C-alpha atoms as a PDB file:
ATOM      1  CA  MET A   1     -32.394  70.886 -22.794  1.00  0.00           C
ATOM      2  CA  ILE A   2     -36.061  71.592 -22.102  1.00  0.00           C
ATOM      3  CA  ARG A   3     -37.701  74.219 -19.930  1.00  0.00           C
ATOM      4  CA  ILE A   4     -40.303  72.979 -17.438  1.00  0.00           C
ATOM      5  CA  ARG A   5     -42.761  75.379 -15.821  1.00  0.00           C
ATOM      6  CA  TYR A   6     -45.052  74.681 -12.874  1.00  0.00           C
ATOM      7  CA  PHE A   7     -48.206  76.651 -12.159  1.00  0.00           C
ATOM      8  CA  ALA A   8     -50.694  77.256  -9.340  1.00  0.00           C
ATOM      9  CA  ARG A   9     -50.704  74.655  -6.546  1.00  0.00           C
ATOM     10  CA  LEU A  10     -47.927  72.671  -8.255  1.00  0.00           C
ATOM     11  CA  ARG A  11     -45.618  75.671  -8.056  1.00  0.00           C
ATOM     12  CA  GLU A  12     -46.447  76.041  -4.370  1.00  0.00           C
ATOM     13  CA  ARG A  13     -46.030  72.351  -3.501  1.00  0.00           C
ATOM     14  CA  LEU A  14     -42.807  71.916  -5.471  1.00  0.00           C
ATOM     15  CA  ASP A  15     -41.434  75.274  -4.305  1.00  0.00           C
ATOM     16  CA  THR A  16     -40.263  76.148  -7.809  1.00  0.00           C
ATOM     17  CA  SER A  17     -41.833  77.848 -10.800  1.00  0.00           C
ATOM     18  CA  GLU A  18     -39.495  76.522 -13.484  1.00  0.00           C
ATOM     19  CA  GLU A  19     -36.369  74.551 -14.227  1.00  0.00           C
ATOM     20  CA  GLN A  20     -34.148  73.505 -17.104  1.00  0.00           C
ATOM     21  CA  LEU A  21     -33.620  69.792 -17.684  1.00  0.00           C
ATOM     22  CA  ASP A  22     -31.223  67.980 -19.985  1.00  0.00           C
ATOM     23  CA  TRP A  23     -33.749  66.002 -22.046  1.00  0.00           C
ATOM     24  CA  SER A  24     -32.496  64.981 -25.443  1.00  0.00           C
ATOM     25  CA  THR A  25     -33.868  61.489 -26.008  1.00  0.00           C
ATOM     26  CA  ASP A  26     -35.720  60.746 -29.244  1.00  0.00           C
ATOM     27  CA  THR A  27     -38.629  58.992 -27.515  1.00  0.00           C
ATOM     28  CA  ALA A  28     -39.294  61.548 -24.787  1.00  0.00           C
ATOM     29  CA  THR A  29     -42.992  61.945 -24.081  1.00  0.00           C
ATOM     30  CA  VAL A  30     -45.000  63.868 -21.518  1.00  0.00           C
ATOM     31  CA  ALA A  31     -45.658  60.583 -19.694  1.00  0.00           C
ATOM     32  CA  ALA A  32     -41.926  59.768 -19.624  1.00  0.00           C
ATOM     33  CA  LEU A  33     -41.136  63.220 -18.246  1.00  0.00           C
ATOM     34  CA  ARG A  34     -43.748  62.828 -15.493  1.00  0.00           C
ATOM     35  CA  ARG A  35     -42.252  59.444 -14.547  1.00  0.00           C
ATOM     36  CA  HIS A  36     -38.773  60.994 -14.504  1.00  0.00           C
ATOM     37  CA  LEU A  37     -39.905  63.828 -12.224  1.00  0.00           C
ATOM     38  CA  CYS A  38     -41.874  61.467  -9.950  1.00  0.00           C
ATOM     39  CA  ALA A  39     -38.736  59.367  -9.503  1.00  0.00           C
ATOM     40  CA  ARG A  40     -37.344  62.258  -7.450  1.00  0.00           C
ATOM     41  CA  GLY A  41     -39.670  60.955  -4.738  1.00  0.00           C
ATOM     42  CA  GLY A  42     -41.356  62.822  -1.898  1.00  0.00           C
ATOM     43  CA  VAL A  43     -43.461  65.800  -2.858  1.00  0.00           C
ATOM     44  CA  TRP A  44     -42.560  65.328  -6.541  1.00  0.00           C
ATOM     45  CA  ALA A  45     -44.148  61.886  -6.622  1.00  0.00           C
ATOM     46  CA  GLU A  46     -47.163  63.129  -4.664  1.00  0.00           C
ATOM     47  CA  ALA A  47     -47.744  66.222  -6.804  1.00  0.00           C
ATOM     48  CA  LEU A  48     -47.151  64.724 -10.247  1.00  0.00           C
ATOM     49  CA  GLY A  49     -47.820  61.028  -9.806  1.00  0.00           C
ATOM     50  CA  GLY A  50     -50.710  60.885  -7.406  1.00  0.00           C
ATOM     51  CA  LEU A  51     -54.408  60.743  -8.058  1.00  0.00           C
ATOM     52  CA  GLU A  52     -54.682  64.505  -8.442  1.00  0.00           C
ATOM     53  CA  THR A  53     -55.356  65.636 -11.977  1.00  0.00           C
ATOM     54  CA  VAL A  54     -52.420  67.423 -13.567  1.00  0.00           C
ATOM     55  CA  LEU A  55     -52.534  68.744 -17.110  1.00  0.00           C
ATOM     56  CA  ALA A  56     -49.560  69.328 -19.363  1.00  0.00           C
ATOM     57  CA  ALA A  57     -48.831  71.633 -22.266  1.00  0.00           C
ATOM     58  CA  VAL A  58     -45.963  71.517 -24.751  1.00  0.00           C
ATOM     59  CA  GLU A  59     -45.178  74.829 -26.421  1.00  0.00           C
ATOM     60  CA  GLN A  60     -48.414  76.251 -24.916  1.00  0.00           C
ATOM     61  CA  GLU A  61     -50.590  73.565 -26.539  1.00  0.00           C
ATOM     62  CA  LEU A  62     -52.504  71.122 -24.342  1.00  0.00           C
ATOM     63  CA  ALA A  63     -50.606  67.832 -24.498  1.00  0.00           C
ATOM     64  CA  ARG A  64     -51.555  64.187 -24.097  1.00  0.00           C
ATOM     65  CA  PRO A  65     -49.299  61.694 -22.267  1.00  0.00           C
ATOM     66  CA  GLU A  66     -47.969  60.371 -25.581  1.00  0.00           C
ATOM     67  CA  THR A  67     -47.041  63.841 -26.915  1.00  0.00           C
ATOM     68  CA  LEU A  68     -43.359  63.959 -27.871  1.00  0.00           C
ATOM     69  CA  ILE A  69     -41.090  66.528 -26.251  1.00  0.00           C
ATOM     70  CA  LEU A  70     -38.282  67.784 -28.461  1.00  0.00           C
ATOM     71  CA  ASP A  71     -35.041  69.367 -27.348  1.00  0.00           C
ATOM     72  CA  GLY A  72     -35.511  73.088 -26.745  1.00  0.00           C
ATOM     73  CA  GLN A  73     -39.244  72.928 -26.093  1.00  0.00           C
ATOM     74  CA  GLU A  74     -41.147  74.266 -23.105  1.00  0.00           C
ATOM     75  CA  VAL A  75     -43.361  71.969 -21.031  1.00  0.00           C
ATOM     76  CA  ALA A  76     -45.834  73.250 -18.455  1.00  0.00           C
ATOM     77  CA  PHE A  77     -47.668  71.337 -15.733  1.00  0.00           C
ATOM     78  CA  PHE A  78     -50.787  72.818 -14.158  1.00  0.00           C
ATOM     79  CA  PRO A  79     -54.032  71.845 -12.427  1.00  0.00           C
ATOM     80  CA  PRO A  80     -57.299  71.954 -14.374  1.00  0.00           C
ATOM     81  CA  VAL A  81     -58.755  75.432 -14.641  1.00  0.00           C
ATOM     82  CA  THR A  82     -62.265  75.984 -13.392  1.00  0.00           C
ATOM     83  CA  GLY A  83     -64.380  79.045 -13.627  1.00  0.00           C
ATOM     84  CA  GLY A  84     -67.710  80.351 -12.694  1.00  0.00           C
END
């Protein structure tokens, strides 16, 4: 089981801030998780699979698409942060 958190505009578009997902495969990556979530269709595919930039973190560390996700870990999806 992994915990997935959504922040900022993703949280608003998906109408959820977090969820638990049974995710115990040995080859689970951030990219595989995004594909799995996009397969839900509709707003999920638009928010996580579209051209908009979405960053991911695993255990609060910025993650690349090939980063492995282990059982029990937390994954967060969020838009890029800008400041001024």
